[in-house]
Amino acid sequence: MDSRPHVVLDSVLLVMRPLARLMLRNGVTYPAFSAALKRVFLDAARAELASQGMPQTDSAVTLLSGVHRRDVRNLKRAAVPERAAAPGHLGLVGQVVARWMSEAAYLNDQGAPRRLPRAGDAPGFDALVASVSSDVRPRAMLDEMLRLGVVSEDETGVELVASGFAPRQGFAESASLLAANLHDHAAAAALNLAGESNFLEQAIYVDQLTEASAKALHKVSAQAWKQAFKTMMQQAQKHFDIDQAQLSPSQRKHRARFGVYFFSDNED
């Protein structure tokens, strides 16, 4: 029977295959990745020691991570502020989309986001933006949402062009969302495997299909996501508003992410 280190390593290497291809296609070589990975291992080692109430000395970090003590010292001196998981403006755009898709004033009779006039009181676009933030001008928000491909605009008003917030333009924004989504999916699976949590982390798998059947299932999954997105977005907005109104910032320290994915390929 394989030892746990071998089992975990084999599993992580399988996960890394598409990520390695992504890096190679965008000019990230193995030496650059391996050098950057040292800091990830050091951060993980310090977090693991802290979780067990153990001192985070250089020796302890080296012993746990396998990173040479010289590198531990050098990387500590060269420590830089951690990058944000995603650009800040994506948070505001996401909040605008959330209210648009969940509040009755912005929905049509079928419960779908309605086309909004630019100006005027609710349910106008400017009023929607103002309900989220008074620090961002509605025109600036609209320009950003147009750039990201989230909305379209014509003489009749502004329309949400997707059933969720998924920017179609801007490589940096798309890469940030990829990182955030995969990070949280991997974190949920890793904590479940360790027996520390019981997060929802399930998938349906079927093989021996034709390409046409796989494409049909892709359409089915997209429809299922639309309904799940609507339900979760409405509940997320509800809990967000309640917590904002009733609880102090020190009590609002948790975050949550819900998502789905679909993938198909030739079995070979």
Protein backbone atom coordinates (compact mmCIF):
# COMPACT_ATOMS: atom_id res chain seq x y z
CA MET A 1 0.00 0.00 0.00
CA ASP A 2 1.32 3.45 -0.91
CA SER A 3 2.22 5.78 1.94
CA ARG A 4 0.23 8.94 2.44
CA PRO A 5 3.00 11.22 1.07
CA HIS A 6 3.09 9.24 -2.19
CA VAL A 7 -0.71 9.20 -2.49
CA VAL A 8 -0.96 12.94 -1.89
CA LEU A 9 1.94 13.73 -4.22
CA ASP A 10 0.46 11.66 -7.05
CA SER A 11 -2.90 13.40 -6.57
CA VAL A 12 -1.36 16.88 -6.61
CA LEU A 13 0.73 16.09 -9.70
CA LEU A 14 -2.43 15.09 -11.56
CA VAL A 15 -4.03 18.40 -10.58
CA MET A 16 -0.90 20.23 -11.74
CA ARG A 17 -1.00 18.94 -15.33
CA PRO A 18 -3.44 21.52 -16.75
CA LEU A 19 -1.84 24.24 -14.62
CA ALA A 20 1.61 23.36 -15.97
CA ARG A 21 0.29 23.71 -19.52
CA LEU A 22 -1.28 27.05 -18.59
CA MET A 23 2.07 28.30 -17.26
CA LEU A 24 4.04 27.08 -20.28
CA ARG A 25 1.61 28.74 -22.69
CA ASN A 26 2.15 32.02 -20.89
CA GLY A 27 5.91 31.98 -20.50
CA VAL A 28 6.29 30.62 -16.96
CA THR A 29 9.15 28.09 -16.97
CA TYR A 30 9.89 25.34 -14.45
CA PRO A 31 12.83 27.19 -12.81
CA ALA A 32 10.67 30.28 -12.29
CA PHE A 33 7.82 28.20 -10.87
CA SER A 34 10.00 26.10 -8.58
CA ALA A 35 11.68 29.21 -7.17
CA ALA A 36 8.32 30.88 -6.51
CA LEU A 37 6.97 27.67 -4.99
CA LYS A 38 9.46 27.90 -2.10
CA ARG A 39 7.55 30.83 -0.64
CA VAL A 40 4.27 28.90 -0.92
CA PHE A 41 5.79 26.00 1.03
CA LEU A 42 7.20 28.35 3.65
CA ASP A 43 3.85 30.08 4.14
CA ALA A 44 2.13 26.69 4.39
CA ALA A 45 4.67 25.46 6.91
CA ARG A 46 4.26 28.54 9.11
CA ALA A 47 0.46 28.21 8.94
CA GLU A 48 0.67 24.52 9.89
CA LEU A 49 2.98 25.24 12.84
CA ALA A 50 0.73 28.06 14.02
CA SER A 51 -2.35 25.84 13.82
CA GLN A 52 -0.62 23.39 16.17
CA GLY A 53 0.59 26.08 18.57
CA MET A 54 4.25 25.40 17.73
CA PRO A 55 7.06 28.01 17.42
CA GLN A 56 7.63 29.18 13.82
CA THR A 57 11.42 29.18 14.00
CA ASP A 58 13.59 28.92 10.89
CA SER A 59 14.65 25.44 11.96
CA ALA A 60 11.08 24.28 12.45
CA VAL A 61 10.02 25.72 9.08
CA THR A 62 12.99 24.06 7.35
CA LEU A 63 12.31 20.71 8.97
CA LEU A 64 8.63 20.73 8.03
CA SER A 65 8.91 22.19 4.52
CA GLY A 66 12.24 20.77 3.34
CA VAL A 67 13.28 24.23 2.14
CA HIS A 68 16.93 24.94 2.99
CA ARG A 69 17.41 27.14 6.04
CA ARG A 70 19.43 29.64 3.98
CA ASP A 71 16.46 30.09 1.65
CA VAL A 72 14.13 30.44 4.64
CA ARG A 73 16.24 33.33 5.96
CA ASN A 74 16.61 34.98 2.55
CA LEU A 75 12.92 34.77 1.72
CA LYS A 76 12.01 36.14 5.14
CA ARG A 77 14.21 39.20 4.51
CA ALA A 78 12.73 39.64 1.05
CA ALA A 79 9.15 39.30 2.27
CA VAL A 80 6.74 41.42 0.25
CA PRO A 81 3.08 42.25 0.88
CA GLU A 82 0.82 39.47 -0.36
CA ARG A 83 -1.09 40.28 -3.53
CA ALA A 84 -4.82 40.57 -3.32
CA ALA A 85 -6.74 37.58 -4.64
CA ALA A 86 -8.62 39.79 -7.07
CA PRO A 87 -8.72 43.47 -8.08
CA GLY A 88 -10.85 45.49 -5.69
CA HIS A 89 -13.20 46.78 -8.36
CA LEU A 90 -14.35 43.23 -9.10
CA GLY A 91 -15.92 43.17 -5.65
CA LEU A 92 -18.05 46.24 -6.40
CA VAL A 93 -19.03 44.96 -9.83
CA GLY A 94 -20.03 41.65 -8.26
CA GLN A 95 -22.19 43.46 -5.69
CA VAL A 96 -23.94 45.43 -8.42
CA VAL A 97 -24.65 42.21 -10.32
CA ALA A 98 -25.84 40.50 -7.13
CA ARG A 99 -28.43 43.19 -6.36
CA TRP A 100 -29.49 43.30 -10.00
CA MET A 101 -30.19 39.57 -9.95
CA SER A 102 -31.80 39.33 -6.52
CA GLU A 103 -33.83 42.43 -5.68
CA ALA A 104 -37.43 42.46 -6.91
CA ALA A 105 -37.21 46.04 -8.20
CA TYR A 106 -34.63 44.98 -10.78
CA LEU A 107 -36.36 41.78 -11.95
CA ASN A 108 -39.05 41.24 -14.58
CA ASP A 109 -42.21 39.15 -14.20
CA GLN A 110 -40.22 35.99 -14.99
CA GLY A 111 -37.72 36.74 -12.23
CA ALA A 112 -34.91 37.58 -14.66
CA PRO A 113 -32.80 40.77 -14.51
CA ARG A 114 -34.61 43.47 -16.44
CA ARG A 115 -33.12 46.06 -18.81
CA LEU A 116 -32.51 49.19 -16.76
CA PRO A 117 -32.72 52.83 -17.83
CA ARG A 118 -29.51 54.73 -17.19
CA ALA A 119 -30.82 57.52 -14.98
CA GLY A 120 -33.67 58.09 -12.57
CA ASP A 121 -34.75 56.47 -9.35
CA ALA A 122 -34.87 52.70 -8.85
CA PRO A 123 -35.00 50.58 -10.88
CA GLY A 124 -32.51 52.68 -12.87
CA PHE A 125 -28.87 51.67 -13.33
CA ASP A 126 -27.53 54.78 -11.61
CA ALA A 127 -29.73 54.10 -8.58
CA LEU A 128 -28.55 50.50 -8.52
CA VAL A 129 -24.90 51.55 -8.41
CA ALA A 130 -25.64 54.18 -5.74
CA SER A 131 -27.27 51.52 -3.56
CA VAL A 132 -23.98 49.59 -3.58
CA SER A 133 -21.45 52.41 -3.19
CA SER A 134 -21.53 56.18 -3.01
CA ASP A 135 -17.80 56.36 -3.74
CA VAL A 136 -18.01 55.22 -7.38
CA ARG A 137 -19.73 57.25 -10.09
CA PRO A 138 -22.37 55.24 -12.00
CA ARG A 139 -20.76 56.19 -15.33
CA ALA A 140 -17.39 54.83 -14.18
CA MET A 141 -19.04 51.61 -13.00
CA LEU A 142 -20.86 51.24 -16.31
CA ASP A 143 -17.64 51.75 -18.27
CA GLU A 144 -15.92 49.06 -16.22
CA MET A 145 -18.81 46.61 -16.63
CA LEU A 146 -18.82 47.26 -20.38
CA ARG A 147 -15.06 46.65 -20.52
CA LEU A 148 -15.49 43.35 -18.69
CA GLY A 149 -18.30 42.29 -20.99
CA VAL A 150 -20.79 41.98 -18.11
CA VAL A 151 -23.37 44.39 -19.59
CA SER A 152 -24.39 45.92 -22.89
CA GLU A 153 -25.73 49.44 -23.46
CA ASP A 154 -27.85 51.08 -26.14
CA GLU A 155 -30.35 53.94 -26.36
CA THR A 156 -32.98 51.90 -24.46
CA GLY A 157 -30.84 51.26 -21.40
CA VAL A 158 -28.38 48.83 -19.84
CA GLU A 159 -28.76 45.06 -19.95
CA LEU A 160 -27.00 42.31 -18.00
CA VAL A 161 -25.61 40.01 -20.69
CA ALA A 162 -24.74 37.01 -18.54
CA SER A 163 -26.53 35.04 -15.84
CA GLY A 164 -23.63 35.61 -13.49
CA PHE A 165 -20.51 37.66 -13.00
CA ALA A 166 -17.92 36.17 -15.33
CA PRO A 167 -15.78 38.82 -17.04
CA ARG A 168 -15.13 38.00 -20.68
CA GLN A 169 -12.48 40.64 -21.17
CA GLY A 170 -9.31 41.41 -19.28
CA PHE A 171 -6.70 38.67 -18.86
CA ALA A 172 -5.67 39.82 -15.38
CA GLU A 173 -9.27 39.79 -14.13
CA SER A 174 -9.93 36.36 -15.59
CA ALA A 175 -6.71 34.99 -14.11
CA SER A 176 -7.63 36.38 -10.68
CA LEU A 177 -11.02 34.67 -10.80
CA LEU A 178 -9.38 31.42 -11.92
CA ALA A 179 -7.02 31.58 -8.95
CA ALA A 180 -9.76 32.40 -6.46
CA ASN A 181 -12.10 29.67 -7.71
CA LEU A 182 -9.48 26.92 -7.93
CA HIS A 183 -7.97 27.91 -4.58
CA ASP A 184 -11.25 27.59 -2.72
CA HIS A 185 -12.20 24.37 -4.52
CA ALA A 186 -8.82 22.85 -3.64
CA ALA A 187 -9.05 24.15 -0.06
CA ALA A 188 -12.46 22.52 0.43
CA ALA A 189 -11.27 19.19 -1.01
CA ALA A 190 -8.03 19.23 1.02
CA LEU A 191 -9.79 19.96 4.30
CA ASN A 192 -12.35 17.24 3.58
CA LEU A 193 -9.58 14.72 2.86
CA ALA A 194 -7.84 15.67 6.09
CA GLY A 195 -11.07 15.10 8.00
CA GLU A 196 -11.15 18.68 9.24
CA SER A 197 -14.33 19.76 7.45
CA ASN A 198 -17.29 18.46 5.51
CA PHE A 199 -17.67 21.00 2.74
CA LEU A 200 -19.88 20.34 -0.26
CA GLU A 201 -17.48 18.99 -2.92
CA GLN A 202 -19.18 16.58 -5.29
CA ALA A 203 -19.22 15.78 -9.01
CA ILE A 204 -21.03 13.54 -11.47
CA TYR A 205 -18.85 11.50 -13.83
CA VAL A 206 -19.91 9.54 -16.93
CA ASP A 207 -17.78 8.04 -19.70
CA GLN A 208 -18.20 6.15 -22.97
CA LEU A 209 -20.17 9.03 -24.51
CA THR A 210 -20.22 10.51 -27.97
CA GLU A 211 -19.02 14.07 -28.49
CA ALA A 212 -22.61 15.10 -29.23
CA SER A 213 -23.81 13.68 -25.92
CA ALA A 214 -21.04 15.48 -24.05
CA LYS A 215 -22.10 18.77 -25.67
CA ALA A 216 -25.72 18.09 -24.72
CA LEU A 217 -24.71 17.54 -21.10
CA HIS A 218 -22.79 20.81 -21.19
CA LYS A 219 -26.02 22.62 -22.08
CA VAL A 220 -27.86 20.82 -19.29
CA SER A 221 -25.19 21.81 -16.78
CA ALA A 222 -25.42 25.47 -17.88
CA GLN A 223 -29.17 25.46 -17.25
CA ALA A 224 -28.69 23.82 -13.85
CA TRP A 225 -26.12 26.47 -12.95
CA LYS A 226 -28.50 29.30 -13.84
CA GLN A 227 -31.08 28.05 -11.36
CA ALA A 228 -28.50 27.31 -8.67
CA PHE A 229 -26.89 30.72 -9.21
CA LYS A 230 -30.21 32.53 -8.82
CA THR A 231 -31.07 30.68 -5.60
CA MET A 232 -27.64 31.16 -4.03
CA MET A 233 -27.33 34.78 -5.12
CA GLN A 234 -30.66 35.71 -3.57
CA GLN A 235 -29.74 34.02 -0.29
CA ALA A 236 -26.23 35.50 -0.32
CA GLN A 237 -27.61 39.01 -0.81
CA LYS A 238 -30.16 38.44 1.97
CA HIS A 239 -27.56 37.30 4.50
CA PHE A 240 -25.10 40.00 3.42
CA ASP A 241 -27.66 42.75 3.99
CA ILE A 242 -28.74 41.34 7.38
CA ASP A 243 -25.16 40.99 8.61
CA GLN A 244 -24.25 44.49 7.40
CA ALA A 245 -27.22 46.00 9.21
CA GLN A 246 -27.06 44.08 12.48
CA LEU A 247 -23.46 43.04 13.15
CA SER A 248 -20.16 44.83 13.66
CA PRO A 249 -17.20 44.39 11.29
CA SER A 250 -15.41 42.27 13.90
CA GLN A 251 -18.28 39.77 13.69
CA ARG A 252 -18.24 39.64 9.89
CA LYS A 253 -14.99 37.79 9.22
CA HIS A 254 -16.20 34.83 7.15
CA ARG A 255 -16.43 34.48 3.39
CA ALA A 256 -18.10 31.83 1.24
CA ARG A 257 -17.89 30.71 -2.38
CA PHE A 258 -20.26 28.45 -4.31
CA GLY A 259 -19.53 27.28 -7.84
CA VAL A 260 -19.88 24.53 -10.40
CA TYR A 261 -17.77 23.34 -13.27
CA PHE A 262 -18.13 21.16 -16.36
CA PHE A 263 -15.39 19.49 -18.35
CA SER A 264 -15.30 16.96 -21.15
CA ASP A 265 -12.51 15.60 -23.31
CA ASN A 266 -11.45 12.59 -25.35
CA GLU A 267 -10.64 9.73 -22.97
CA ASP A 268 -7.28 9.19 -24.68
